[in-house]
Amino acid sequence: MQVLLREGESFESLLKRFRTGVSRHGIISEFKRHQSYLSKGEKLRAKLQRAERKRQAKLAKQARRAARRAA
């Protein structure tokens, strides 16, 4: 990731452009993902846990909507 200083640009705006570029390219998330090794089984368990949390959140949201409609 390379950010060049534009003419008359402050350091704060340069830093902001750098941060947005890094987040847009997903560099930090990729770095965090590669910090530790996960076996195939661990990846699968994590994926299933994420799916279950998402399912529970969806059910809770539907319950809240149904309660609002009934009121």
PDB file of N, CA and C in Angstrom:
ATOM      1  N   MET A   1       0.854  -1.175   0.000  1.00  0.00           N
ATOM      2  CA  MET A   1       0.000   0.000   0.000  1.00  0.00           C
ATOM      3  C   MET A   1       0.892   1.228   0.000  1.00  0.00           C
ATOM      4  N   GLN A   2       0.703   2.073  -0.968  1.00  0.00           N
ATOM      5  CA  GLN A   2       1.538   3.263  -1.092  1.00  0.00           C
ATOM      6  C   GLN A   2       0.640   4.480  -1.238  1.00  0.00           C
ATOM      7  N   VAL A   3       0.952   5.516  -0.448  1.00  0.00           N
ATOM      8  CA  VAL A   3       0.213   6.771  -0.514  1.00  0.00           C
ATOM      9  C   VAL A   3       1.230   7.888  -0.696  1.00  0.00           C
ATOM     10  N   LEU A   4       1.074   8.654  -1.754  1.00  0.00           N
ATOM     11  CA  LEU A   4       1.999   9.744  -2.030  1.00  0.00           C
ATOM     12  C   LEU A   4       1.421  11.058  -1.519  1.00  0.00           C
ATOM     13  N   LEU A   5       2.292  11.886  -0.983  1.00  0.00           N
ATOM     14  CA  LEU A   5       1.896  13.179  -0.452  1.00  0.00           C
ATOM     15  C   LEU A   5       1.533  14.109  -1.605  1.00  0.00           C
ATOM     16  N   ARG A   6       0.333  14.642  -1.557  1.00  0.00           N
ATOM     17  CA  ARG A   6      -0.106  15.593  -2.585  1.00  0.00           C
ATOM     18  C   ARG A   6       0.381  16.988  -2.212  1.00  0.00           C
ATOM     19  N   GLU A   7       0.465  17.839  -3.205  1.00  0.00           N
ATOM     20  CA  GLU A   7       0.947  19.195  -2.961  1.00  0.00           C
ATOM     21  C   GLU A   7       0.001  19.939  -2.027  1.00  0.00           C
ATOM     22  N   GLY A   8       0.556  20.482  -0.957  1.00  0.00           N
ATOM     23  CA  GLY A   8      -0.232  21.253   0.001  1.00  0.00           C
ATOM     24  C   GLY A   8      -1.076  20.398   0.938  1.00  0.00           C
ATOM     25  N   GLU A   9      -0.859  19.091   0.955  1.00  0.00           N
ATOM     26  CA  GLU A   9      -1.663  18.195   1.792  1.00  0.00           C
ATOM     27  C   GLU A   9      -1.044  18.076   3.181  1.00  0.00           C
ATOM     28  N   SER A  10      -1.903  18.091   4.195  1.00  0.00           N
ATOM     29  CA  SER A  10      -1.407  17.956   5.560  1.00  0.00           C
ATOM     30  C   SER A  10      -1.136  16.487   5.872  1.00  0.00           C
ATOM     31  N   PHE A  11      -0.355  16.296   6.934  1.00  0.00           N
ATOM     32  CA  PHE A  11      -0.017  14.934   7.334  1.00  0.00           C
ATOM     33  C   PHE A  11      -1.267  14.185   7.780  1.00  0.00           C
ATOM     34  N   GLU A  12      -2.209  14.869   8.437  1.00  0.00           N
ATOM     35  CA  GLU A  12      -3.426  14.229   8.927  1.00  0.00           C
ATOM     36  C   GLU A  12      -4.269  13.671   7.774  1.00  0.00           C
ATOM     37  N   SER A  13      -4.395  14.440   6.697  1.00  0.00           N
ATOM     38  CA  SER A  13      -5.181  13.949   5.569  1.00  0.00           C
ATOM     39  C   SER A  13      -4.457  12.815   4.846  1.00  0.00           C
ATOM     40  N   LEU A  14      -3.131  12.876   4.801  1.00  0.00           N
ATOM     41  CA  LEU A  14      -2.348  11.786   4.219  1.00  0.00           C
ATOM     42  C   LEU A  14      -2.545  10.506   5.025  1.00  0.00           C
ATOM     43  N   LEU A  15      -2.496  10.639   6.346  1.00  0.00           N
ATOM     44  CA  LEU A  15      -2.691   9.487   7.226  1.00  0.00           C
ATOM     45  C   LEU A  15      -4.102   8.927   7.083  1.00  0.00           C
ATOM     46  N   LYS A  16      -5.080   9.801   6.941  1.00  0.00           N
ATOM     47  CA  LYS A  16      -6.461   9.359   6.762  1.00  0.00           C
ATOM     48  C   LYS A  16      -6.618   8.584   5.458  1.00  0.00           C
ATOM     49  N   ARG A  17      -6.013   9.079   4.381  1.00  0.00           N
ATOM     50  CA  ARG A  17      -6.076   8.356   3.106  1.00  0.00           C
ATOM     51  C   ARG A  17      -5.406   6.995   3.216  1.00  0.00           C
ATOM     52  N   PHE A  18      -4.289   6.936   3.959  1.00  0.00           N
ATOM     53  CA  PHE A  18      -3.600   5.672   4.152  1.00  0.00           C
ATOM     54  C   PHE A  18      -4.483   4.684   4.911  1.00  0.00           C
ATOM     55  N   ARG A  19      -5.078   5.134   5.995  1.00  0.00           N
ATOM     56  CA  ARG A  19      -5.935   4.259   6.807  1.00  0.00           C
ATOM     57  C   ARG A  19      -7.135   3.750   6.016  1.00  0.00           C
ATOM     58  N   THR A  20      -7.768   4.615   5.245  1.00  0.00           N
ATOM     59  CA  THR A  20      -8.912   4.173   4.455  1.00  0.00           C
ATOM     60  C   THR A  20      -8.475   3.178   3.384  1.00  0.00           C
ATOM     61  N   GLY A  21      -7.322   3.400   2.793  1.00  0.00           N
ATOM     62  CA  GLY A  21      -6.812   2.462   1.791  1.00  0.00           C
ATOM     63  C   GLY A  21      -6.511   1.106   2.390  1.00  0.00           C
ATOM     64  N   VAL A  22      -5.908   1.109   3.562  1.00  0.00           N
ATOM     65  CA  VAL A  22      -5.584  -0.147   4.246  1.00  0.00           C
ATOM     66  C   VAL A  22      -6.860  -0.898   4.595  1.00  0.00           C
ATOM     67  N   SER A  23      -7.849  -0.191   5.123  1.00  0.00           N
ATOM     68  CA  SER A  23      -9.100  -0.869   5.492  1.00  0.00           C
ATOM     69  C   SER A  23      -9.859  -1.332   4.248  1.00  0.00           C
ATOM     70  N   ARG A  24      -9.824  -0.564   3.182  1.00  0.00           N
ATOM     71  CA  ARG A  24     -10.513  -0.938   1.945  1.00  0.00           C
ATOM     72  C   ARG A  24      -9.914  -2.200   1.332  1.00  0.00           C
ATOM     73  N   HIS A  25      -8.597  -2.333   1.413  1.00  0.00           N
ATOM     74  CA  HIS A  25      -7.935  -3.499   0.844  1.00  0.00           C
ATOM     75  C   HIS A  25      -7.957  -4.702   1.782  1.00  0.00           C
ATOM     76  N   GLY A  26      -8.403  -4.520   3.021  1.00  0.00           N
ATOM     77  CA  GLY A  26      -8.502  -5.629   3.961  1.00  0.00           C
ATOM     78  C   GLY A  26      -7.162  -6.133   4.457  1.00  0.00           C
ATOM     79  N   ILE A  27      -6.178  -5.268   4.509  1.00  0.00           N
ATOM     80  CA  ILE A  27      -4.834  -5.683   4.907  1.00  0.00           C
ATOM     81  C   ILE A  27      -4.791  -6.087   6.379  1.00  0.00           C
ATOM     82  N   ILE A  28      -5.430  -5.316   7.244  1.00  0.00           N
ATOM     83  CA  ILE A  28      -5.399  -5.610   8.682  1.00  0.00           C
ATOM     84  C   ILE A  28      -6.123  -6.916   8.977  1.00  0.00           C
ATOM     85  N   SER A  29      -7.300  -7.125   8.390  1.00  0.00           N
ATOM     86  CA  SER A  29      -8.040  -8.355   8.660  1.00  0.00           C
ATOM     87  C   SER A  29      -7.283  -9.574   8.144  1.00  0.00           C
ATOM     88  N   GLU A  30      -6.618  -9.432   7.007  1.00  0.00           N
ATOM     89  CA  GLU A  30      -5.827 -10.550   6.481  1.00  0.00           C
ATOM     90  C   GLU A  30      -4.643 -10.840   7.396  1.00  0.00           C
ATOM     91  N   PHE A  31      -4.012  -9.806   7.905  1.00  0.00           N
ATOM     92  CA  PHE A  31      -2.897  -9.989   8.828  1.00  0.00           C
ATOM     93  C   PHE A  31      -3.356 -10.717  10.084  1.00  0.00           C
ATOM     94  N   LYS A  32      -4.478 -10.296  10.649  1.00  0.00           N
ATOM     95  CA  LYS A  32      -5.001 -10.937  11.862  1.00  0.00           C
ATOM     96  C   LYS A  32      -5.364 -12.393  11.595  1.00  0.00           C
ATOM     97  N   ARG A  33      -5.900 -12.668  10.435  1.00  0.00           N
ATOM     98  CA  ARG A  33      -6.295 -14.032  10.089  1.00  0.00           C
ATOM     99  C   ARG A  33      -5.074 -14.942  10.007  1.00  0.00           C
ATOM    100  N   HIS A  34      -3.942 -14.413   9.584  1.00  0.00           N
ATOM    101  CA  HIS A  34      -2.739 -15.226   9.414  1.00  0.00           C
ATOM    102  C   HIS A  34      -1.837 -15.230  10.645  1.00  0.00           C
ATOM    103  N   GLN A  35      -2.240 -14.575  11.728  1.00  0.00           N
ATOM    104  CA  GLN A  35      -1.390 -14.532  12.913  1.00  0.00           C
ATOM    105  C   GLN A  35      -1.272 -15.892  13.588  1.00  0.00           C
ATOM    106  N   SER A  36      -2.323 -16.688  13.557  1.00  0.00           N
ATOM    107  CA  SER A  36      -2.258 -17.997  14.189  1.00  0.00           C
ATOM    108  C   SER A  36      -2.820 -19.047  13.242  1.00  0.00           C
ATOM    109  N   TYR A  37      -2.323 -20.271  13.407  1.00  0.00           N
ATOM    110  CA  TYR A  37      -2.744 -21.359  12.532  1.00  0.00           C
ATOM    111  C   TYR A  37      -4.034 -21.971  13.054  1.00  0.00           C
ATOM    112  N   LEU A  38      -4.987 -22.213  12.175  1.00  0.00           N
ATOM    113  CA  LEU A  38      -6.218 -22.917  12.521  1.00  0.00           C
ATOM    114  C   LEU A  38      -6.302 -24.170  11.661  1.00  0.00           C
ATOM    115  N   SER A  39      -6.533 -25.292  12.325  1.00  0.00           N
ATOM    116  CA  SER A  39      -6.682 -26.533  11.577  1.00  0.00           C
ATOM    117  C   SER A  39      -8.021 -26.518  10.849  1.00  0.00           C
ATOM    118  N   LYS A  40      -8.223 -27.479   9.967  1.00  0.00           N
ATOM    119  CA  LYS A  40      -9.478 -27.546   9.230  1.00  0.00           C
ATOM    120  C   LYS A  40     -10.655 -27.723  10.173  1.00  0.00           C
ATOM    121  N   GLY A  41     -10.474 -28.553  11.197  1.00  0.00           N
ATOM    122  CA  GLY A  41     -11.542 -28.780  12.171  1.00  0.00           C
ATOM    123  C   GLY A  41     -11.886 -27.523  12.943  1.00  0.00           C
ATOM    124  N   GLU A  42     -10.872 -26.755  13.337  1.00  0.00           N
ATOM    125  CA  GLU A  42     -11.105 -25.508  14.062  1.00  0.00           C
ATOM    126  C   GLU A  42     -11.816 -24.487  13.174  1.00  0.00           C
ATOM    127  N   LYS A  43     -11.420 -24.422  11.910  1.00  0.00           N
ATOM    128  CA  LYS A  43     -12.090 -23.518  10.978  1.00  0.00           C
ATOM    129  C   LYS A  43     -13.555 -23.902  10.821  1.00  0.00           C
ATOM    130  N   LEU A  44     -13.829 -25.204  10.720  1.00  0.00           N
ATOM    131  CA  LEU A  44     -15.190 -25.679  10.564  1.00  0.00           C
ATOM    132  C   LEU A  44     -16.025 -25.360  11.803  1.00  0.00           C
ATOM    133  N   ARG A  45     -15.451 -25.595  12.992  1.00  0.00           N
ATOM    134  CA  ARG A  45     -16.176 -25.284  14.233  1.00  0.00           C
ATOM    135  C   ARG A  45     -16.486 -23.807  14.326  1.00  0.00           C
ATOM    136  N   ALA A  46     -15.518 -22.958  13.980  1.00  0.00           N
ATOM    137  CA  ALA A  46     -15.729 -21.511  14.018  1.00  0.00           C
ATOM    138  C   ALA A  46     -16.814 -21.104  13.029  1.00  0.00           C
ATOM    139  N   LYS A  47     -16.809 -21.717  11.857  1.00  0.00           N
ATOM    140  CA  LYS A  47     -17.816 -21.410  10.839  1.00  0.00           C
ATOM    141  C   LYS A  47     -19.207 -21.813  11.331  1.00  0.00           C
ATOM    142  N   LEU A  48     -19.308 -22.980  11.948  1.00  0.00           N
ATOM    143  CA  LEU A  48     -20.596 -23.437  12.467  1.00  0.00           C
ATOM    144  C   LEU A  48     -21.077 -22.550  13.613  1.00  0.00           C
ATOM    145  N   GLN A  49     -20.161 -22.108  14.468  1.00  0.00           N
ATOM    146  CA  GLN A  49     -20.534 -21.219  15.564  1.00  0.00           C
ATOM    147  C   GLN A  49     -21.039 -19.881  15.026  1.00  0.00           C
ATOM    148  N   ARG A  50     -20.355 -19.338  14.010  1.00  0.00           N
ATOM    149  CA  ARG A  50     -20.821 -18.089  13.402  1.00  0.00           C
ATOM    150  C   ARG A  50     -22.206 -18.253  12.809  1.00  0.00           C
ATOM    151  N   ALA A  51     -22.436 -19.382  12.132  1.00  0.00           N
ATOM    152  CA  ALA A  51     -23.732 -19.642  11.519  1.00  0.00           C
ATOM    153  C   ALA A  51     -24.818 -19.751  12.589  1.00  0.00           C
ATOM    154  N   GLU A  52     -24.515 -20.403  13.707  1.00  0.00           N
ATOM    155  CA  GLU A  52     -25.497 -20.553  14.783  1.00  0.00           C
ATOM    156  C   GLU A  52     -25.816 -19.203  15.430  1.00  0.00           C
ATOM    157  N   ARG A  53     -24.787 -18.366  15.658  1.00  0.00           N
ATOM    158  CA  ARG A  53     -25.028 -17.034  16.213  1.00  0.00           C
ATOM    159  C   ARG A  53     -25.895 -16.211  15.272  1.00  0.00           C
ATOM    160  N   LYS A  54     -25.621 -16.315  13.971  1.00  0.00           N
ATOM    161  CA  LYS A  54     -26.402 -15.579  12.977  1.00  0.00           C
ATOM    162  C   LYS A  54     -27.851 -16.059  12.967  1.00  0.00           C
ATOM    163  N   ARG A  55     -28.039 -17.375  13.077  1.00  0.00           N
ATOM    164  CA  ARG A  55     -29.382 -17.937  13.097  1.00  0.00           C
ATOM    165  C   ARG A  55     -30.143 -17.473  14.340  1.00  0.00           C
ATOM    166  N   GLN A  56     -29.480 -17.479  15.494  1.00  0.00           N
ATOM    167  CA  GLN A  56     -30.115 -17.041  16.736  1.00  0.00           C
ATOM    168  C   GLN A  56     -30.494 -15.553  16.662  1.00  0.00           C
ATOM    169  N   ALA A  57     -29.616 -14.742  16.095  1.00  0.00           N
ATOM    170  CA  ALA A  57     -29.902 -13.315  15.961  1.00  0.00           C
ATOM    171  C   ALA A  57     -31.089 -13.096  15.038  1.00  0.00           C
ATOM    172  N   LYS A  58     -31.165 -13.874  13.972  1.00  0.00           N
ATOM    173  CA  LYS A  58     -32.283 -13.748  13.034  1.00  0.00           C
ATOM    174  C   LYS A  58     -33.600 -14.121  13.710  1.00  0.00           C
ATOM    175  N   LEU A  59     -33.575 -15.193  14.512  1.00  0.00           N
ATOM    176  CA  LEU A  59     -34.780 -15.611  15.226  1.00  0.00           C
ATOM    177  C   LEU A  59     -35.209 -14.555  16.249  1.00  0.00           C
ATOM    178  N   ALA A  60     -34.242 -13.971  16.946  1.00  0.00           N
ATOM    179  CA  ALA A  60     -34.553 -12.931  17.925  1.00  0.00           C
ATOM    180  C   ALA A  60     -35.157 -11.708  17.237  1.00  0.00           C
ATOM    181  N   LYS A  61     -34.625 -11.361  16.082  1.00  0.00           N
ATOM    182  CA  LYS A  61     -35.143 -10.215  15.333  1.00  0.00           C
ATOM    183  C   LYS A  61     -36.582 -10.479  14.885  1.00  0.00           C
ATOM    184  N   GLN A  62     -36.843 -11.695  14.414  1.00  0.00           N
ATOM    185  CA  GLN A  62     -38.195 -12.049  13.999  1.00  0.00           C
ATOM    186  C   GLN A  62     -39.150 -12.013  15.182  1.00  0.00           C
ATOM    187  N   ALA A  63     -38.698 -12.458  16.357  1.00  0.00           N
ATOM    188  CA  ALA A  63     -39.537 -12.434  17.556  1.00  0.00           C
ATOM    189  C   ALA A  63     -39.863 -11.007  17.957  1.00  0.00           C
ATOM    190  N   ARG A  64     -38.863 -10.118  17.864  1.00  0.00           N
ATOM    191  CA  ARG A  64     -39.107  -8.709  18.199  1.00  0.00           C
ATOM    192  C   ARG A  64     -40.124  -8.103  17.233  1.00  0.00           C
ATOM    193  N   ARG A  65     -40.007  -8.413  15.947  1.00  0.00           N
ATOM    194  CA  ARG A  65     -40.948  -7.896  14.955  1.00  0.00           C
ATOM    195  C   ARG A  65     -42.359  -8.415  15.224  1.00  0.00           C
ATOM    196  N   ALA A  66     -42.470  -9.683  15.565  1.00  0.00           N
ATOM    197  CA  ALA A  66     -43.785 -10.262  15.843  1.00  0.00           C
ATOM    198  C   ALA A  66     -44.402  -9.636  17.082  1.00  0.00           C
ATOM    199  N   ALA A  67     -43.585  -9.347  18.085  1.00  0.00           N
ATOM    200  CA  ALA A  67     -44.090  -8.722  19.313  1.00  0.00           C
ATOM    201  C   ALA A  67     -44.565  -7.305  19.023  1.00  0.00           C
ATOM    202  N   ARG A  68     -43.862  -6.587  18.152  1.00  0.00           N
ATOM    203  CA  ARG A  68     -44.286  -5.220  17.793  1.00  0.00           C
ATOM    204  C   ARG A  68     -45.591  -5.243  17.026  1.00  0.00           C
ATOM    205  N   ARG A  69     -45.741  -6.219  16.160  1.00  0.00           N
ATOM    206  CA  ARG A  69     -46.973  -6.307  15.365  1.00  0.00           C
ATOM    207  C   ARG A  69     -48.172  -6.631  16.245  1.00  0.00           C
ATOM    208  N   ALA A  70     -47.953  -7.474  17.257  1.00  0.00           N
ATOM    209  CA  ALA A  70     -49.043  -7.911  18.139  1.00  0.00           C
ATOM    210  C   ALA A  70     -49.472  -6.776  19.058  1.00  0.00           C
ATOM    211  N   ALA A  71     -48.570  -5.861  19.354  1.00  0.00           N
ATOM    212  CA  ALA A  71     -48.897  -4.782  20.297  1.00  0.00           C
ATOM    213  C   ALA A  71     -49.735  -3.706  19.681  1.00  0.00           C
TER     214      ALA A  71
END
